[in-house]
Amino acid sequence: MKLGFLTGCLDMPLIEKLDYAAERGFETVEVSCWPKVNERDYAGSDIDVVNFAQEDADQLLAEMEARGLEISSLAYYDNMLHPDPACRAGYHAHLKAVILAAEKLHVELVGTFVGKNQELSLEENFDLFEEIFSELVSFAEAHHVKLMIENCPMPGWEKDGLPATISYAPEFWTEMFRRVPSASFGLNFDPSHLHWLQIDYLDCLDKFHERIFHVHAKDCQLDHSLVAYYGIFGKKLHREHPEDLGWFTPKIPGLGDISWPIFIERLRQIGYDGYLSIEHEDRMFEGTNDKVIRGLDFSYHHLYPLVKNFQESSDR
């Protein structure tokens, strides 16, 4: 297993992010590839995929090799079922540009969201999903890329803080993979979202191990005393930011509820030997690059011994 981080958390040129990653001891980076102009929080535009030529890919690969790094995946997470057809088409076009960039870089994995069309029923959303993702997965396969979905509900996309994706729970995964059964379609597995939703993430590892292509290392802290006040759907009035649901707080690994030794051991048990990528969304460690780096450093020191132990046990 190789430890890395999602690059969008740092506000600096990609080459400086690579320098930091190599100096710290990370082995991989998950490169953020949103459009240069976008309104997403936690988005990054470290590769201009629309204008990315093979010579650009070759130069980046040389920079990675010189630092002993590799790219775990390219990341572009937007609402692929957006209700506005023009907006949706733009998202699809950009995702395909990310896939083409991955092919040039010999990167096997590209991550995105399914999303949701709030104007349609759930059944109609899955019909739309099947139409769209059958084509997107086929496009990815034709370019030697696997497409994967991160399991976030994205409450920030829905004004009332309700789920704005149809891909956040095992019930939905089963339907996703029934409708798009390709072996090139899987999960970027994030345990923090499942913990927040009261879903057993260890059980999910067991049941969906064949679909886990990549793993996000993100933690969360639950305040169960506030559930009694807000309810399981979370805060709905006077939210400080779109993700403020009152009793759920994203944290860096090691400062939340998830037992990373147990989680990584379960990854070993299911035979997962891929990438573990820190997704830094802890508001206590953001606002400046120095704060973000403090968070990444803490996460690295918490996780690296566990990953190293994983590697040693796998070699025995």
C-alpha atoms as a PDB file:
ATOM      1  CA  MET A   1       0.000   0.000   0.000  1.00  0.00           C
ATOM      2  CA  LYS A   2       1.267   3.482  -0.872  1.00  0.00           C
ATOM      3  CA  LEU A   3       0.491   6.676   1.040  1.00  0.00           C
ATOM      4  CA  GLY A   4      -0.284   9.979  -0.678  1.00  0.00           C
ATOM      5  CA  PHE A   5      -2.615  12.977  -0.587  1.00  0.00           C
ATOM      6  CA  LEU A   6      -5.115  14.828  -2.769  1.00  0.00           C
ATOM      7  CA  THR A   7      -3.281  17.893  -4.051  1.00  0.00           C
ATOM      8  CA  GLY A   8      -6.153  20.397  -4.147  1.00  0.00           C
ATOM      9  CA  CYS A   9      -5.779  21.253  -0.448  1.00  0.00           C
ATOM     10  CA  LEU A  10      -2.570  23.242  -1.107  1.00  0.00           C
ATOM     11  CA  ASP A  11      -2.548  26.619  -2.876  1.00  0.00           C
ATOM     12  CA  MET A  12       0.777  26.493  -4.724  1.00  0.00           C
ATOM     13  CA  PRO A  13       2.095  25.306  -8.105  1.00  0.00           C
ATOM     14  CA  LEU A  14       2.021  21.553  -8.636  1.00  0.00           C
ATOM     15  CA  ILE A  15       5.809  21.345  -8.772  1.00  0.00           C
ATOM     16  CA  GLU A  16       5.992  22.752  -5.226  1.00  0.00           C
ATOM     17  CA  LYS A  17       3.429  20.211  -4.070  1.00  0.00           C
ATOM     18  CA  LEU A  18       5.596  17.464  -5.545  1.00  0.00           C
ATOM     19  CA  ASP A  19       8.639  18.864  -3.751  1.00  0.00           C
ATOM     20  CA  TYR A  20       6.759  18.821  -0.456  1.00  0.00           C
ATOM     21  CA  ALA A  21       5.450  15.289  -1.056  1.00  0.00           C
ATOM     22  CA  ALA A  22       8.916  13.940  -1.801  1.00  0.00           C
ATOM     23  CA  GLU A  23      10.548  15.753   1.105  1.00  0.00           C
ATOM     24  CA  ARG A  24       7.953  14.493   3.557  1.00  0.00           C
ATOM     25  CA  GLY A  25       8.201  10.888   2.353  1.00  0.00           C
ATOM     26  CA  PHE A  26       4.918  10.424   0.512  1.00  0.00           C
ATOM     27  CA  GLU A  27       5.019   7.909  -2.314  1.00  0.00           C
ATOM     28  CA  THR A  28       2.038   9.124  -4.356  1.00  0.00           C
ATOM     29  CA  VAL A  29      -0.132  12.128  -5.120  1.00  0.00           C
ATOM     30  CA  GLU A  30      -3.766  12.195  -6.209  1.00  0.00           C
ATOM     31  CA  VAL A  31      -3.826  15.119  -8.612  1.00  0.00           C
ATOM     32  CA  SER A  32      -6.762  17.547  -8.597  1.00  0.00           C
ATOM     33  CA  CYS A  33      -7.953  18.296 -12.143  1.00  0.00           C
ATOM     34  CA  TRP A  34     -10.943  20.632 -11.915  1.00  0.00           C
ATOM     35  CA  PRO A  35     -11.351  23.329 -14.586  1.00  0.00           C
ATOM     36  CA  LYS A  36      -9.222  26.429 -14.093  1.00  0.00           C
ATOM     37  CA  VAL A  37     -12.419  28.384 -13.431  1.00  0.00           C
ATOM     38  CA  ASN A  38     -14.786  26.633 -11.036  1.00  0.00           C
ATOM     39  CA  GLU A  39     -16.844  27.321  -7.911  1.00  0.00           C
ATOM     40  CA  ARG A  40     -16.172  24.071  -6.041  1.00  0.00           C
ATOM     41  CA  ASP A  41     -14.769  24.102  -2.520  1.00  0.00           C
ATOM     42  CA  TYR A  42     -11.632  21.995  -2.036  1.00  0.00           C
ATOM     43  CA  ALA A  43     -11.133  21.939  -5.802  1.00  0.00           C
ATOM     44  CA  GLY A  44      -7.743  22.269  -7.445  1.00  0.00           C
ATOM     45  CA  SER A  45      -6.550  22.722 -11.017  1.00  0.00           C
ATOM     46  CA  ASP A  46      -3.087  21.228 -10.971  1.00  0.00           C
ATOM     47  CA  ILE A  47      -3.252  19.955 -14.554  1.00  0.00           C
ATOM     48  CA  ASP A  48      -4.854  21.939 -17.371  1.00  0.00           C
ATOM     49  CA  VAL A  49      -6.346  18.810 -18.904  1.00  0.00           C
ATOM     50  CA  VAL A  50      -8.089  20.672 -21.729  1.00  0.00           C
ATOM     51  CA  ASN A  51      -4.734  21.826 -23.112  1.00  0.00           C
ATOM     52  CA  PHE A  52      -2.632  18.868 -21.953  1.00  0.00           C
ATOM     53  CA  ALA A  53      -0.378  17.536 -24.698  1.00  0.00           C
ATOM     54  CA  GLN A  54       1.729  14.379 -24.631  1.00  0.00           C
ATOM     55  CA  GLU A  55       4.868  16.481 -24.213  1.00  0.00           C
ATOM     56  CA  ASP A  56       3.300  18.017 -21.083  1.00  0.00           C
ATOM     57  CA  ALA A  57       2.577  14.532 -19.771  1.00  0.00           C
ATOM     58  CA  ASP A  58       6.118  13.388 -20.492  1.00  0.00           C
ATOM     59  CA  GLN A  59       7.546  16.395 -18.641  1.00  0.00           C
ATOM     60  CA  LEU A  60       5.313  15.767 -15.614  1.00  0.00           C
ATOM     61  CA  LEU A  61       6.237  12.078 -15.586  1.00  0.00           C
ATOM     62  CA  ALA A  62       9.912  13.045 -15.596  1.00  0.00           C
ATOM     63  CA  GLU A  63       9.323  15.384 -12.637  1.00  0.00           C
ATOM     64  CA  MET A  64       7.515  12.602 -10.780  1.00  0.00           C
ATOM     65  CA  GLU A  65      10.273  10.087 -11.488  1.00  0.00           C
ATOM     66  CA  ALA A  66      12.984  12.498 -10.353  1.00  0.00           C
ATOM     67  CA  ARG A  67      11.224  12.728  -6.981  1.00  0.00           C
ATOM     68  CA  GLY A  68      10.394   9.044  -6.625  1.00  0.00           C
ATOM     69  CA  LEU A  69       6.655   9.739  -6.811  1.00  0.00           C
ATOM     70  CA  GLU A  70       3.745   8.315  -8.774  1.00  0.00           C
ATOM     71  CA  ILE A  71       0.210   9.510  -9.459  1.00  0.00           C
ATOM     72  CA  SER A  72      -2.429   7.393  -7.736  1.00  0.00           C
ATOM     73  CA  SER A  73      -5.329   8.923  -9.677  1.00  0.00           C
ATOM     74  CA  LEU A  74      -6.633  12.065 -11.330  1.00  0.00           C
ATOM     75  CA  ALA A  75      -9.509  13.698  -9.448  1.00  0.00           C
ATOM     76  CA  TYR A  76     -12.483  15.606 -10.817  1.00  0.00           C
ATOM     77  CA  TYR A  77     -15.636  15.476  -8.704  1.00  0.00           C
ATOM     78  CA  ASP A  78     -18.728  17.245 -10.017  1.00  0.00           C
ATOM     79  CA  ASN A  79     -22.439  16.500 -10.482  1.00  0.00           C
ATOM     80  CA  MET A  80     -22.564  14.306 -13.573  1.00  0.00           C
ATOM     81  CA  LEU A  81     -26.390  14.221 -13.390  1.00  0.00           C
ATOM     82  CA  HIS A  82     -26.795  17.998 -13.120  1.00  0.00           C
ATOM     83  CA  PRO A  83     -30.338  19.108 -14.074  1.00  0.00           C
ATOM     84  CA  ASP A  84     -29.123  21.770 -16.516  1.00  0.00           C
ATOM     85  CA  PRO A  85     -28.262  19.976 -19.788  1.00  0.00           C
ATOM     86  CA  ALA A  86     -25.621  22.512 -20.833  1.00  0.00           C
ATOM     87  CA  CYS A  87     -23.909  22.418 -17.451  1.00  0.00           C
ATOM     88  CA  ARG A  88     -24.060  18.624 -17.405  1.00  0.00           C
ATOM     89  CA  ALA A  89     -22.551  18.419 -20.884  1.00  0.00           C
ATOM     90  CA  GLY A  90     -19.709  20.662 -19.769  1.00  0.00           C
ATOM     91  CA  TYR A  91     -18.991  18.407 -16.790  1.00  0.00           C
ATOM     92  CA  HIS A  92     -18.975  15.338 -19.042  1.00  0.00           C
ATOM     93  CA  ALA A  93     -16.627  16.996 -21.519  1.00  0.00           C
ATOM     94  CA  HIS A  94     -14.215  17.947 -18.768  1.00  0.00           C
ATOM     95  CA  LEU A  95     -14.318  14.459 -17.245  1.00  0.00           C
ATOM     96  CA  LYS A  96     -13.432  13.008 -20.639  1.00  0.00           C
ATOM     97  CA  ALA A  97     -10.516  15.450 -20.866  1.00  0.00           C
ATOM     98  CA  VAL A  98      -9.351  14.166 -17.462  1.00  0.00           C
ATOM     99  CA  ILE A  99      -9.576  10.596 -18.750  1.00  0.00           C
ATOM    100  CA  LEU A 100      -7.504  11.506 -21.820  1.00  0.00           C
ATOM    101  CA  ALA A 101      -4.900  13.166 -19.573  1.00  0.00           C
ATOM    102  CA  ALA A 102      -4.767  10.007 -17.449  1.00  0.00           C
ATOM    103  CA  GLU A 103      -4.108   7.944 -20.558  1.00  0.00           C
ATOM    104  CA  LYS A 104      -1.200  10.217 -21.516  1.00  0.00           C
ATOM    105  CA  LEU A 105       0.204   9.871 -17.983  1.00  0.00           C
ATOM    106  CA  HIS A 106      -0.324   6.078 -17.865  1.00  0.00           C
ATOM    107  CA  VAL A 107      -2.565   6.610 -14.803  1.00  0.00           C
ATOM    108  CA  GLU A 108      -5.136   3.851 -14.439  1.00  0.00           C
ATOM    109  CA  LEU A 109      -7.660   5.621 -12.167  1.00  0.00           C
ATOM    110  CA  VAL A 110      -9.900   8.677 -12.523  1.00  0.00           C
ATOM    111  CA  GLY A 111     -12.310   9.666  -9.748  1.00  0.00           C
ATOM    112  CA  THR A 112     -15.605  11.542  -9.952  1.00  0.00           C
ATOM    113  CA  PHE A 113     -19.108  11.786  -8.446  1.00  0.00           C
ATOM    114  CA  VAL A 114     -22.385  10.473  -9.784  1.00  0.00           C
ATOM    115  CA  GLY A 115     -24.390  13.395  -8.415  1.00  0.00           C
ATOM    116  CA  LYS A 116     -28.154  13.771  -8.674  1.00  0.00           C
ATOM    117  CA  ASN A 117     -30.800  15.564 -10.725  1.00  0.00           C
ATOM    118  CA  GLN A 118     -33.008  17.105  -8.031  1.00  0.00           C
ATOM    119  CA  GLU A 119     -35.843  17.539 -10.533  1.00  0.00           C
ATOM    120  CA  LEU A 120     -36.219  13.774 -11.079  1.00  0.00           C
ATOM    121  CA  SER A 121     -37.352  10.848  -8.950  1.00  0.00           C
ATOM    122  CA  LEU A 122     -34.788   8.413  -7.616  1.00  0.00           C
ATOM    123  CA  GLU A 123     -35.757   5.803 -10.212  1.00  0.00           C
ATOM    124  CA  GLU A 124     -35.472   8.391 -12.987  1.00  0.00           C
ATOM    125  CA  ASN A 125     -32.071   9.399 -11.618  1.00  0.00           C
ATOM    126  CA  PHE A 126     -30.855   5.831 -11.881  1.00  0.00           C
ATOM    127  CA  ASP A 127     -32.160   5.593 -15.429  1.00  0.00           C
ATOM    128  CA  LEU A 128     -30.215   8.755 -16.248  1.00  0.00           C
ATOM    129  CA  PHE A 129     -27.183   7.399 -14.405  1.00  0.00           C
ATOM    130  CA  GLU A 130     -27.261   4.178 -16.428  1.00  0.00           C
ATOM    131  CA  GLU A 131     -27.411   6.081 -19.706  1.00  0.00           C
ATOM    132  CA  ILE A 132     -24.631   8.522 -18.794  1.00  0.00           C
ATOM    133  CA  PHE A 133     -22.232   6.239 -16.954  1.00  0.00           C
ATOM    134  CA  SER A 134     -22.502   3.368 -19.415  1.00  0.00           C
ATOM    135  CA  GLU A 135     -21.110   5.786 -21.982  1.00  0.00           C
ATOM    136  CA  LEU A 136     -18.539   7.373 -19.644  1.00  0.00           C
ATOM    137  CA  VAL A 137     -17.213   4.017 -18.436  1.00  0.00           C
ATOM    138  CA  SER A 138     -16.990   2.754 -22.020  1.00  0.00           C
ATOM    139  CA  PHE A 139     -15.070   5.901 -22.953  1.00  0.00           C
ATOM    140  CA  ALA A 140     -12.696   5.342 -20.022  1.00  0.00           C
ATOM    141  CA  GLU A 141     -12.176   1.685 -20.956  1.00  0.00           C
ATOM    142  CA  ALA A 142     -11.330   2.663 -24.532  1.00  0.00           C
ATOM    143  CA  HIS A 143      -8.532   4.811 -23.093  1.00  0.00           C
ATOM    144  CA  HIS A 144      -7.218   2.213 -20.615  1.00  0.00           C
ATOM    145  CA  VAL A 145      -8.688   3.985 -17.584  1.00  0.00           C
ATOM    146  CA  LYS A 146     -10.931   2.822 -14.736  1.00  0.00           C
ATOM    147  CA  LEU A 147     -13.605   5.209 -13.468  1.00  0.00           C
ATOM    148  CA  MET A 148     -14.387   5.342  -9.755  1.00  0.00           C
ATOM    149  CA  ILE A 149     -16.935   7.074  -7.532  1.00  0.00           C
ATOM    150  CA  GLU A 150     -16.294   8.592  -4.115  1.00  0.00           C
ATOM    151  CA  ASN A 151     -19.152   7.823  -1.731  1.00  0.00           C
ATOM    152  CA  CYS A 152     -19.930  11.344  -0.462  1.00  0.00           C
ATOM    153  CA  PRO A 153     -23.571  12.479  -0.050  1.00  0.00           C
ATOM    154  CA  MET A 154     -22.572  16.095  -0.942  1.00  0.00           C
ATOM    155  CA  PRO A 155     -25.113  17.880   1.291  1.00  0.00           C
ATOM    156  CA  GLY A 156     -23.505  21.187   0.309  1.00  0.00           C
ATOM    157  CA  TRP A 157     -25.074  20.869  -3.144  1.00  0.00           C
ATOM    158  CA  GLU A 158     -28.604  20.758  -1.737  1.00  0.00           C
ATOM    159  CA  LYS A 159     -29.912  23.926  -0.085  1.00  0.00           C
ATOM    160  CA  ASP A 160     -31.476  22.001   2.804  1.00  0.00           C
ATOM    161  CA  GLY A 161     -28.370  19.926   3.430  1.00  0.00           C
ATOM    162  CA  LEU A 162     -29.908  16.701   2.166  1.00  0.00           C
ATOM    163  CA  PRO A 163     -28.030  14.148   0.008  1.00  0.00           C
ATOM    164  CA  ALA A 164     -27.235  15.427  -3.480  1.00  0.00           C
ATOM    165  CA  THR A 165     -25.746  12.217  -4.878  1.00  0.00           C
ATOM    166  CA  ILE A 166     -27.193   8.760  -5.480  1.00  0.00           C
ATOM    167  CA  SER A 167     -23.967   6.949  -4.663  1.00  0.00           C
ATOM    168  CA  TYR A 168     -23.347   7.362  -0.944  1.00  0.00           C
ATOM    169  CA  ALA A 169     -24.554   4.055   0.533  1.00  0.00           C
ATOM    170  CA  PRO A 170     -24.237   0.299  -0.131  1.00  0.00           C
ATOM    171  CA  GLU A 171     -27.857   0.172  -1.277  1.00  0.00           C
ATOM    172  CA  PHE A 172     -26.958   2.551  -4.097  1.00  0.00           C
ATOM    173  CA  TRP A 173     -23.670   0.824  -4.902  1.00  0.00           C
ATOM    174  CA  THR A 174     -25.515  -2.428  -5.501  1.00  0.00           C
ATOM    175  CA  GLU A 175     -27.833  -0.674  -7.953  1.00  0.00           C
ATOM    176  CA  MET A 176     -24.939   1.208  -9.601  1.00  0.00           C
ATOM    177  CA  PHE A 177     -22.993  -1.954 -10.293  1.00  0.00           C
ATOM    178  CA  ARG A 178     -26.117  -3.815 -11.429  1.00  0.00           C
ATOM    179  CA  ARG A 179     -26.815  -1.154 -14.033  1.00  0.00           C
ATOM    180  CA  VAL A 180     -23.163  -0.582 -15.019  1.00  0.00           C
ATOM    181  CA  PRO A 181     -21.510  -3.951 -14.333  1.00  0.00           C
ATOM    182  CA  SER A 182     -18.165  -3.193 -15.966  1.00  0.00           C
ATOM    183  CA  ALA A 183     -15.103  -4.308 -14.001  1.00  0.00           C
ATOM    184  CA  SER A 184     -13.639  -0.891 -14.899  1.00  0.00           C
ATOM    185  CA  PHE A 185     -16.188   0.875 -12.663  1.00  0.00           C
ATOM    186  CA  GLY A 186     -15.603   1.009  -8.914  1.00  0.00           C
ATOM    187  CA  LEU A 187     -15.199   3.032  -5.732  1.00  0.00           C
ATOM    188  CA  ASN A 188     -12.832   5.573  -4.287  1.00  0.00           C
ATOM    189  CA  PHE A 189     -13.713   4.353  -0.798  1.00  0.00           C
ATOM    190  CA  ASP A 190     -14.016   7.002   1.942  1.00  0.00           C
ATOM    191  CA  PRO A 191     -14.786   5.560   5.407  1.00  0.00           C
ATOM    192  CA  SER A 192     -15.544   8.956   6.977  1.00  0.00           C
ATOM    193  CA  HIS A 193     -18.776   9.449   5.018  1.00  0.00           C
ATOM    194  CA  LEU A 194     -19.997   5.989   5.955  1.00  0.00           C
ATOM    195  CA  HIS A 195     -19.212   6.545   9.641  1.00  0.00           C
ATOM    196  CA  TRP A 196     -21.151   9.818   9.559  1.00  0.00           C
ATOM    197  CA  LEU A 197     -24.127   7.997   7.996  1.00  0.00           C
ATOM    198  CA  GLN A 198     -23.987   5.285  10.692  1.00  0.00           C
ATOM    199  CA  ILE A 199     -22.929   2.655   8.128  1.00  0.00           C
ATOM    200  CA  ASP A 200     -20.401  -0.024   9.089  1.00  0.00           C
ATOM    201  CA  TYR A 201     -17.456   0.846   6.854  1.00  0.00           C
ATOM    202  CA  LEU A 202     -15.567  -2.330   7.805  1.00  0.00           C
ATOM    203  CA  ASP A 203     -18.497  -4.459   6.676  1.00  0.00           C
ATOM    204  CA  CYS A 204     -18.571  -2.458   3.424  1.00  0.00           C
ATOM    205  CA  LEU A 205     -14.906  -3.295   2.841  1.00  0.00           C
ATOM    206  CA  ASP A 206     -15.746  -6.965   3.082  1.00  0.00           C
ATOM    207  CA  LYS A 207     -18.835  -6.867   0.867  1.00  0.00           C
ATOM    208  CA  PHE A 208     -17.505  -4.572  -1.874  1.00  0.00           C
ATOM    209  CA  HIS A 209     -13.815  -5.465  -1.845  1.00  0.00           C
ATOM    210  CA  GLU A 210     -13.768  -6.242  -5.569  1.00  0.00           C
ATOM    211  CA  ARG A 211     -14.982  -2.703  -6.366  1.00  0.00           C
ATOM    212  CA  ILE A 212     -12.542  -0.779  -4.167  1.00  0.00           C
ATOM    213  CA  PHE A 213      -9.998   0.794  -6.532  1.00  0.00           C
ATOM    214  CA  HIS A 214      -8.618   3.555  -4.301  1.00  0.00           C
ATOM    215  CA  VAL A 215      -9.066   4.645  -0.661  1.00  0.00           C
ATOM    216  CA  HIS A 216      -9.411   8.116   0.826  1.00  0.00           C
ATOM    217  CA  ALA A 217      -7.920   8.724   4.256  1.00  0.00           C
ATOM    218  CA  LYS A 218     -10.298  11.203   5.828  1.00  0.00           C
ATOM    219  CA  ASP A 219     -11.597  11.114   9.379  1.00  0.00           C
ATOM    220  CA  CYS A 220     -14.650  12.570  11.079  1.00  0.00           C
ATOM    221  CA  GLN A 221     -15.872  13.329  14.558  1.00  0.00           C
ATOM    222  CA  LEU A 222     -19.479  12.775  15.586  1.00  0.00           C
ATOM    223  CA  ASP A 223     -21.142  14.534  18.518  1.00  0.00           C
ATOM    224  CA  HIS A 224     -23.953  12.174  19.418  1.00  0.00           C
ATOM    225  CA  SER A 225     -25.354  14.599  22.000  1.00  0.00           C
ATOM    226  CA  LEU A 226     -26.258  16.972  19.153  1.00  0.00           C
ATOM    227  CA  VAL A 227     -28.081  14.273  17.198  1.00  0.00           C
ATOM    228  CA  ALA A 228     -30.757  14.478  19.891  1.00  0.00           C
ATOM    229  CA  TYR A 229     -31.173  18.171  19.048  1.00  0.00           C
ATOM    230  CA  TYR A 230     -30.785  18.252  15.260  1.00  0.00           C
ATOM    231  CA  GLY A 231     -31.897  14.730  14.352  1.00  0.00           C
ATOM    232  CA  ILE A 232     -30.190  12.341  11.987  1.00  0.00           C
ATOM    233  CA  PHE A 233     -30.607  14.711   9.017  1.00  0.00           C
ATOM    234  CA  GLY A 234     -28.526  17.351  10.794  1.00  0.00           C
ATOM    235  CA  LYS A 235     -28.782  21.111  11.296  1.00  0.00           C
ATOM    236  CA  LYS A 236     -31.069  22.865   8.826  1.00  0.00           C
ATOM    237  CA  LEU A 237     -31.170  26.476  10.080  1.00  0.00           C
ATOM    238  CA  HIS A 238     -28.336  28.974  10.548  1.00  0.00           C
ATOM    239  CA  ARG A 239     -25.667  26.772   8.994  1.00  0.00           C
ATOM    240  CA  GLU A 240     -22.221  28.396   9.026  1.00  0.00           C
ATOM    241  CA  HIS A 241     -21.269  26.781   5.718  1.00  0.00           C
ATOM    242  CA  PRO A 242     -22.973  24.339   3.311  1.00  0.00           C
ATOM    243  CA  GLU A 243     -21.526  21.240   5.025  1.00  0.00           C
ATOM    244  CA  ASP A 244     -22.425  22.416   8.537  1.00  0.00           C
ATOM    245  CA  LEU A 245     -24.839  19.721   9.693  1.00  0.00           C
ATOM    246  CA  GLY A 246     -24.258  20.352  13.374  1.00  0.00           C
ATOM    247  CA  TRP A 247     -22.999  17.032  14.653  1.00  0.00           C
ATOM    248  CA  PHE A 248     -20.582  15.887  11.937  1.00  0.00           C
ATOM    249  CA  THR A 249     -17.109  17.423  11.623  1.00  0.00           C
ATOM    250  CA  PRO A 250     -14.517  16.356   9.005  1.00  0.00           C
ATOM    251  CA  LYS A 251     -11.109  15.755  10.601  1.00  0.00           C
ATOM    252  CA  ILE A 252      -7.647  14.728   9.503  1.00  0.00           C
ATOM    253  CA  PRO A 253      -6.787  11.061  10.166  1.00  0.00           C
ATOM    254  CA  GLY A 254      -5.960  10.531  13.812  1.00  0.00           C
ATOM    255  CA  LEU A 255      -8.156  13.319  15.204  1.00  0.00           C
ATOM    256  CA  GLY A 256     -11.536  11.695  14.586  1.00  0.00           C
ATOM    257  CA  ASP A 257     -13.446   8.551  15.449  1.00  0.00           C
ATOM    258  CA  ILE A 258     -12.008   6.119  12.898  1.00  0.00           C
ATOM    259  CA  SER A 259      -9.523   3.541  14.140  1.00  0.00           C
ATOM    260  CA  TRP A 260      -6.942   3.596  11.363  1.00  0.00           C
ATOM    261  CA  PRO A 261      -5.011   0.567  12.678  1.00  0.00           C
ATOM    262  CA  ILE A 262      -8.183  -1.525  12.483  1.00  0.00           C
ATOM    263  CA  PHE A 263      -9.192  -0.034   9.124  1.00  0.00           C
ATOM    264  CA  ILE A 264      -5.808  -0.631   7.494  1.00  0.00           C
ATOM    265  CA  GLU A 265      -5.638  -4.143   8.921  1.00  0.00           C
ATOM    266  CA  ARG A 266      -9.035  -4.876   7.360  1.00  0.00           C
ATOM    267  CA  LEU A 267      -7.727  -3.551   4.034  1.00  0.00           C
ATOM    268  CA  ARG A 268      -4.912  -6.075   4.351  1.00  0.00           C
ATOM    269  CA  GLN A 269      -7.400  -8.844   5.099  1.00  0.00           C
ATOM    270  CA  ILE A 270      -9.463  -8.165   1.964  1.00  0.00           C
ATOM    271  CA  GLY A 271      -6.308  -8.156  -0.157  1.00  0.00           C
ATOM    272  CA  TYR A 272      -6.254  -4.437  -0.923  1.00  0.00           C
ATOM    273  CA  ASP A 273      -2.724  -3.305  -1.777  1.00  0.00           C
ATOM    274  CA  GLY A 274      -3.388  -0.039  -3.599  1.00  0.00           C
ATOM    275  CA  TYR A 275      -3.331   3.628  -2.647  1.00  0.00           C
ATOM    276  CA  LEU A 276      -4.262   5.396   0.587  1.00  0.00           C
ATOM    277  CA  SER A 277      -4.728   9.104  -0.190  1.00  0.00           C
ATOM    278  CA  ILE A 278      -5.215  11.763   2.496  1.00  0.00           C
ATOM    279  CA  GLU A 279      -8.158  14.022   1.643  1.00  0.00           C
ATOM    280  CA  HIS A 280      -7.573  17.080   3.819  1.00  0.00           C
ATOM    281  CA  GLU A 281     -10.853  18.847   4.678  1.00  0.00           C
ATOM    282  CA  ASP A 282     -10.221  19.682   8.337  1.00  0.00           C
ATOM    283  CA  ARG A 283     -11.185  23.325   8.906  1.00  0.00           C
ATOM    284  CA  MET A 284      -8.876  23.486  11.934  1.00  0.00           C
ATOM    285  CA  PHE A 285      -5.916  23.097   9.559  1.00  0.00           C
ATOM    286  CA  GLU A 286      -6.791  25.326   6.626  1.00  0.00           C
ATOM    287  CA  GLY A 287      -6.679  28.962   5.607  1.00  0.00           C
ATOM    288  CA  THR A 288      -2.947  29.038   4.824  1.00  0.00           C
ATOM    289  CA  ASN A 289      -0.544  26.574   3.239  1.00  0.00           C
ATOM    290  CA  ASP A 290       1.358  26.365   6.535  1.00  0.00           C
ATOM    291  CA  LYS A 291      -1.780  25.194   8.351  1.00  0.00           C
ATOM    292  CA  VAL A 292      -2.626  22.689   5.622  1.00  0.00           C
ATOM    293  CA  ILE A 293       0.912  21.306   5.733  1.00  0.00           C
ATOM    294  CA  ARG A 294       0.643  20.947   9.510  1.00  0.00           C
ATOM    295  CA  GLY A 295      -2.460  18.833   8.932  1.00  0.00           C
ATOM    296  CA  LEU A 296      -0.820  16.757   6.209  1.00  0.00           C
ATOM    297  CA  ASP A 297       2.280  16.265   8.357  1.00  0.00           C
ATOM    298  CA  PHE A 298       0.174  15.074  11.284  1.00  0.00           C
ATOM    299  CA  SER A 299      -1.734  12.683   9.011  1.00  0.00           C
ATOM    300  CA  TYR A 300       1.490  11.376   7.495  1.00  0.00           C
ATOM    301  CA  HIS A 301       3.008  10.632  10.897  1.00  0.00           C
ATOM    302  CA  HIS A 302      -0.204   8.959  12.044  1.00  0.00           C
ATOM    303  CA  LEU A 303      -0.671   6.780   8.959  1.00  0.00           C
ATOM    304  CA  TYR A 304       2.810   6.030   7.677  1.00  0.00           C
ATOM    305  CA  PRO A 305       3.770   3.607  10.482  1.00  0.00           C
ATOM    306  CA  LEU A 306       0.532   1.718   9.860  1.00  0.00           C
ATOM    307  CA  VAL A 307       1.145   1.567   6.122  1.00  0.00           C
ATOM    308  CA  LYS A 308       4.757   0.542   6.657  1.00  0.00           C
ATOM    309  CA  ASN A 309       3.584  -2.254   8.959  1.00  0.00           C
ATOM    310  CA  PHE A 310       1.096  -3.218   6.263  1.00  0.00           C
ATOM    311  CA  GLN A 311       3.881  -3.446   3.703  1.00  0.00           C
ATOM    312  CA  GLU A 312       6.060  -5.535   5.989  1.00  0.00           C
ATOM    313  CA  SER A 313       3.223  -7.941   6.819  1.00  0.00           C
ATOM    314  CA  SER A 314       2.359  -8.259   3.111  1.00  0.00           C
ATOM    315  CA  ASP A 315       5.969  -9.187   2.350  1.00  0.00           C
ATOM    316  CA  ARG A 316       6.022 -11.991   4.884  1.00  0.00           C
END
